[in-house]
Amino acid sequence: MKRSIVWVLVFSILAAPAYAGTTATFPMSAAVEPQLELTATVYEGNVGGPTRTAMDFGTLVSDTLGGALRADKFFTVYLSAVTSSRRYEILQTAAALTNGAVTLANGACITTPHDNGVTLPTGSVLGSRGSFVATDKLVYRSEAAGSAQSVAAAYAITNDPANGATEFISSDQPGGTYNSSVTFTLVLI
């Protein structure tokens, strides 16, 4: 009896319907190149003003006879960073404006980083107002997630402490054209 039960089980298993089927499997992949991109646009005045390729502050003027000198215009540099979600900083470096023999007072040459009206990610840091005559001055530091972000930095030559001036350009500053340049750098941290 045991043998016949075993044979019935074996025969039942062998007689069960079998379905034929085929499958095809193909691997898939996609590559994303890590991005590290900084774009910058210079506007005369606020963002949205005329775009410029240089910051020409023009002839400096005084608000009072013999008073400290200032520029009649300012510039805003609009900066956008994309880093593939890696933490980063935007830095700026500028030498003093010089006519080849003397320089303008560094404390009258001011930059003011700002958010340009957008909410910055929690944990990010906006640089502080101060002289743009600096090496690797912080404009913006991202939060740990490294979100793509746009910020702006205003550039002025001012005689107003309310606008950040800590030094002044005397009305007897030697004449001439004073030149320098500013460089923005995007670095991963």
Protein backbone atom coordinates (compact mmCIF):
# COMPACT_ATOMS: atom_id res chain seq x y z
CA MET A 1 0.00 0.00 0.00
CA LYS A 2 2.81 2.33 0.79
CA ARG A 3 4.27 1.70 -2.63
CA SER A 4 1.06 2.51 -4.41
CA ILE A 5 0.67 5.79 -2.50
CA VAL A 6 4.21 6.76 -3.43
CA TRP A 7 3.54 5.88 -7.09
CA VAL A 8 0.34 7.90 -7.04
CA LEU A 9 2.21 10.90 -5.65
CA VAL A 10 5.04 10.59 -8.16
CA PHE A 11 2.59 10.13 -11.01
CA SER A 12 0.51 13.15 -9.81
CA ILE A 13 3.58 15.36 -9.75
CA LEU A 14 4.70 14.19 -13.17
CA ALA A 15 1.21 14.61 -14.62
CA ALA A 16 0.81 18.21 -13.38
CA PRO A 17 0.51 20.66 -16.27
CA ALA A 18 3.75 22.43 -17.14
CA TYR A 19 3.73 25.85 -18.78
CA ALA A 20 6.50 26.80 -21.11
CA GLY A 21 7.69 30.38 -20.85
CA THR A 22 10.66 32.52 -21.73
CA THR A 23 11.99 35.72 -20.28
CA ALA A 24 14.51 38.21 -21.44
CA THR A 25 16.32 40.49 -19.04
CA PHE A 26 18.43 43.42 -20.10
CA PRO A 27 20.52 45.58 -17.78
CA MET A 28 19.82 49.33 -17.83
CA SER A 29 21.93 52.27 -16.76
CA ALA A 30 22.20 56.02 -17.09
CA ALA A 31 25.06 58.34 -16.27
CA VAL A 32 24.78 61.84 -14.87
CA GLU A 33 27.92 63.90 -15.12
CA PRO A 34 28.55 65.84 -11.92
CA GLN A 35 28.03 69.54 -12.51
CA LEU A 36 30.19 72.33 -11.20
CA GLU A 37 29.02 75.54 -12.80
CA LEU A 38 29.01 79.19 -11.79
CA THR A 39 27.31 81.80 -13.93
CA ALA A 40 27.62 85.52 -13.29
CA THR A 41 25.89 88.55 -14.78
CA VAL A 42 26.78 92.17 -13.98
CA TYR A 43 23.94 94.69 -13.83
CA GLU A 44 24.25 98.44 -13.48
CA GLY A 45 22.11 99.17 -10.44
CA ASN A 46 19.87 96.34 -9.28
CA VAL A 47 19.30 92.96 -10.93
CA GLY A 48 17.22 93.66 -14.01
CA GLY A 49 19.05 96.89 -14.83
CA PRO A 50 21.25 97.17 -17.91
CA THR A 51 23.78 94.33 -18.17
CA ARG A 52 27.43 95.29 -18.30
CA THR A 53 30.71 93.52 -19.03
CA ALA A 54 32.64 95.75 -16.61
CA MET A 55 31.96 97.79 -13.48
CA ASP A 56 32.87 101.33 -14.54
CA PHE A 57 32.00 103.52 -11.57
CA GLY A 58 32.73 106.66 -13.60
CA THR A 59 34.08 109.92 -12.19
CA LEU A 60 33.79 110.03 -8.41
CA VAL A 61 31.83 112.94 -6.95
CA SER A 62 31.37 114.61 -3.57
CA ASP A 63 28.13 115.43 -1.80
CA THR A 64 29.67 118.61 -0.35
CA LEU A 65 32.45 120.94 -1.46
CA GLY A 66 35.72 119.29 -0.45
CA GLY A 67 33.87 116.28 1.01
CA ALA A 68 34.64 112.60 0.65
CA LEU A 69 34.21 111.12 -2.82
CA ARG A 70 31.76 108.44 -3.94
CA ALA A 71 30.50 106.89 -7.16
CA ASP A 72 27.16 107.97 -8.62
CA LYS A 73 26.27 104.38 -9.53
CA PHE A 74 26.58 100.89 -8.16
CA PHE A 75 26.58 97.42 -9.70
CA THR A 76 24.99 94.11 -8.76
CA VAL A 77 26.52 90.78 -9.72
CA TYR A 78 23.95 88.00 -9.99
CA LEU A 79 25.56 84.60 -9.28
CA SER A 80 24.07 81.14 -9.86
CA ALA A 81 25.73 77.91 -8.74
CA VAL A 82 25.01 74.29 -9.73
CA THR A 83 27.08 71.59 -8.03
CA SER A 84 25.14 68.31 -8.32
CA SER A 85 24.03 68.53 -4.69
CA ARG A 86 27.52 68.96 -3.26
CA ARG A 87 28.21 71.57 -0.55
CA TYR A 88 29.96 74.66 -1.90
CA GLU A 89 31.05 78.26 -1.42
CA ILE A 90 31.08 81.23 -3.76
CA LEU A 91 34.11 83.40 -3.04
CA GLN A 92 35.28 86.72 -4.48
CA THR A 93 38.77 88.14 -4.78
CA ALA A 94 39.66 91.71 -5.77
CA ALA A 95 42.75 93.86 -5.51
CA ALA A 96 42.62 97.54 -4.62
CA LEU A 97 41.67 100.01 -7.33
CA THR A 98 44.94 101.66 -8.33
CA ASN A 99 46.15 104.24 -10.83
CA GLY A 100 49.55 102.57 -10.84
CA ALA A 101 50.98 104.74 -8.07
CA VAL A 102 48.26 105.09 -5.41
CA THR A 103 45.10 103.22 -4.50
CA LEU A 104 41.59 104.19 -3.49
CA ALA A 105 40.74 103.65 0.18
CA ASN A 106 39.78 99.99 0.59
CA GLY A 107 37.14 100.84 3.19
CA ALA A 108 35.22 102.94 0.63
CA CYS A 109 35.06 100.03 -1.85
CA ILE A 110 32.16 97.98 -0.52
CA THR A 111 30.35 94.79 -1.46
CA THR A 112 27.07 93.70 0.05
CA PRO A 113 26.01 90.10 -0.59
CA HIS A 114 22.23 89.63 -0.55
CA ASP A 115 19.57 87.03 -1.26
CA ASN A 116 18.00 88.99 -4.13
CA GLY A 117 14.56 88.46 -2.62
CA VAL A 118 14.57 84.65 -2.49
CA THR A 119 14.44 82.48 0.61
CA LEU A 120 17.79 80.82 1.15
CA PRO A 121 17.94 77.18 2.29
CA THR A 122 18.14 76.60 6.05
CA GLY A 123 21.78 76.17 7.03
CA SER A 124 23.19 78.30 4.22
CA VAL A 125 25.27 81.40 4.98
CA LEU A 126 25.30 84.71 3.15
CA GLY A 127 28.59 86.62 3.27
CA SER A 128 28.86 89.90 5.16
CA ARG A 129 29.07 93.48 3.91
CA GLY A 130 32.60 94.84 3.77
CA SER A 131 35.43 95.92 1.54
CA PHE A 132 35.57 94.07 -1.74
CA VAL A 133 39.34 94.43 -1.59
CA ALA A 134 39.89 90.93 -0.24
CA THR A 135 41.08 87.45 -1.09
CA ASP A 136 38.48 84.66 -1.01
CA LYS A 137 35.80 86.82 0.64
CA LEU A 138 32.70 84.72 1.27
CA VAL A 139 29.69 85.64 -0.86
CA TYR A 140 27.63 82.52 -0.13
CA ARG A 141 28.02 79.09 1.52
CA SER A 142 25.43 76.43 0.73
CA GLU A 143 23.71 74.19 3.21
CA ALA A 144 24.96 70.59 3.52
CA ALA A 145 22.66 69.39 0.69
CA GLY A 146 24.37 71.77 -1.76
CA SER A 147 21.14 73.05 -3.34
CA ALA A 148 21.50 75.00 -6.58
CA GLN A 149 21.10 78.64 -5.59
CA SER A 150 21.26 82.17 -6.95
CA VAL A 151 22.47 85.11 -4.88
CA ALA A 152 23.63 88.61 -5.64
CA ALA A 153 26.36 90.96 -4.46
CA ALA A 154 26.17 94.75 -4.79
CA TYR A 155 29.39 96.71 -5.47
CA ALA A 156 29.78 100.40 -4.62
CA ILE A 157 32.34 103.08 -3.94
CA THR A 158 30.70 104.97 -1.10
CA ASN A 159 31.29 107.72 1.43
CA ASP A 160 28.36 106.64 3.60
CA PRO A 161 28.93 104.57 6.75
CA ALA A 162 25.30 103.39 6.48
CA ASN A 163 26.33 101.69 3.22
CA GLY A 164 29.37 100.10 4.84
CA ALA A 165 32.10 102.71 4.35
CA THR A 166 34.82 102.47 7.00
CA GLU A 167 37.26 104.73 5.13
CA PHE A 168 36.79 107.64 2.79
CA ILE A 169 38.29 108.84 -0.47
CA SER A 170 39.53 112.37 0.10
CA SER A 171 38.64 115.11 -2.37
CA ASP A 172 42.40 115.61 -2.83
CA GLN A 173 42.91 112.00 -4.01
CA PRO A 174 45.47 112.06 -6.87
CA GLY A 175 43.78 112.15 -10.26
CA GLY A 176 43.80 109.36 -12.80
CA THR A 177 41.90 106.25 -13.77
CA TYR A 178 41.92 103.58 -11.08
CA ASN A 179 41.62 99.95 -12.18
CA SER A 180 41.24 96.50 -10.70
CA SER A 181 39.15 93.40 -11.31
CA VAL A 182 37.02 91.01 -9.31
CA THR A 183 37.09 87.22 -9.64
CA PHE A 184 34.36 84.88 -8.43
CA THR A 185 35.21 81.28 -7.60
CA LEU A 186 32.94 78.31 -6.92
CA VAL A 187 34.58 75.74 -4.64
CA LEU A 188 33.35 72.48 -3.17
CA ILE A 189 33.72 72.17 0.61
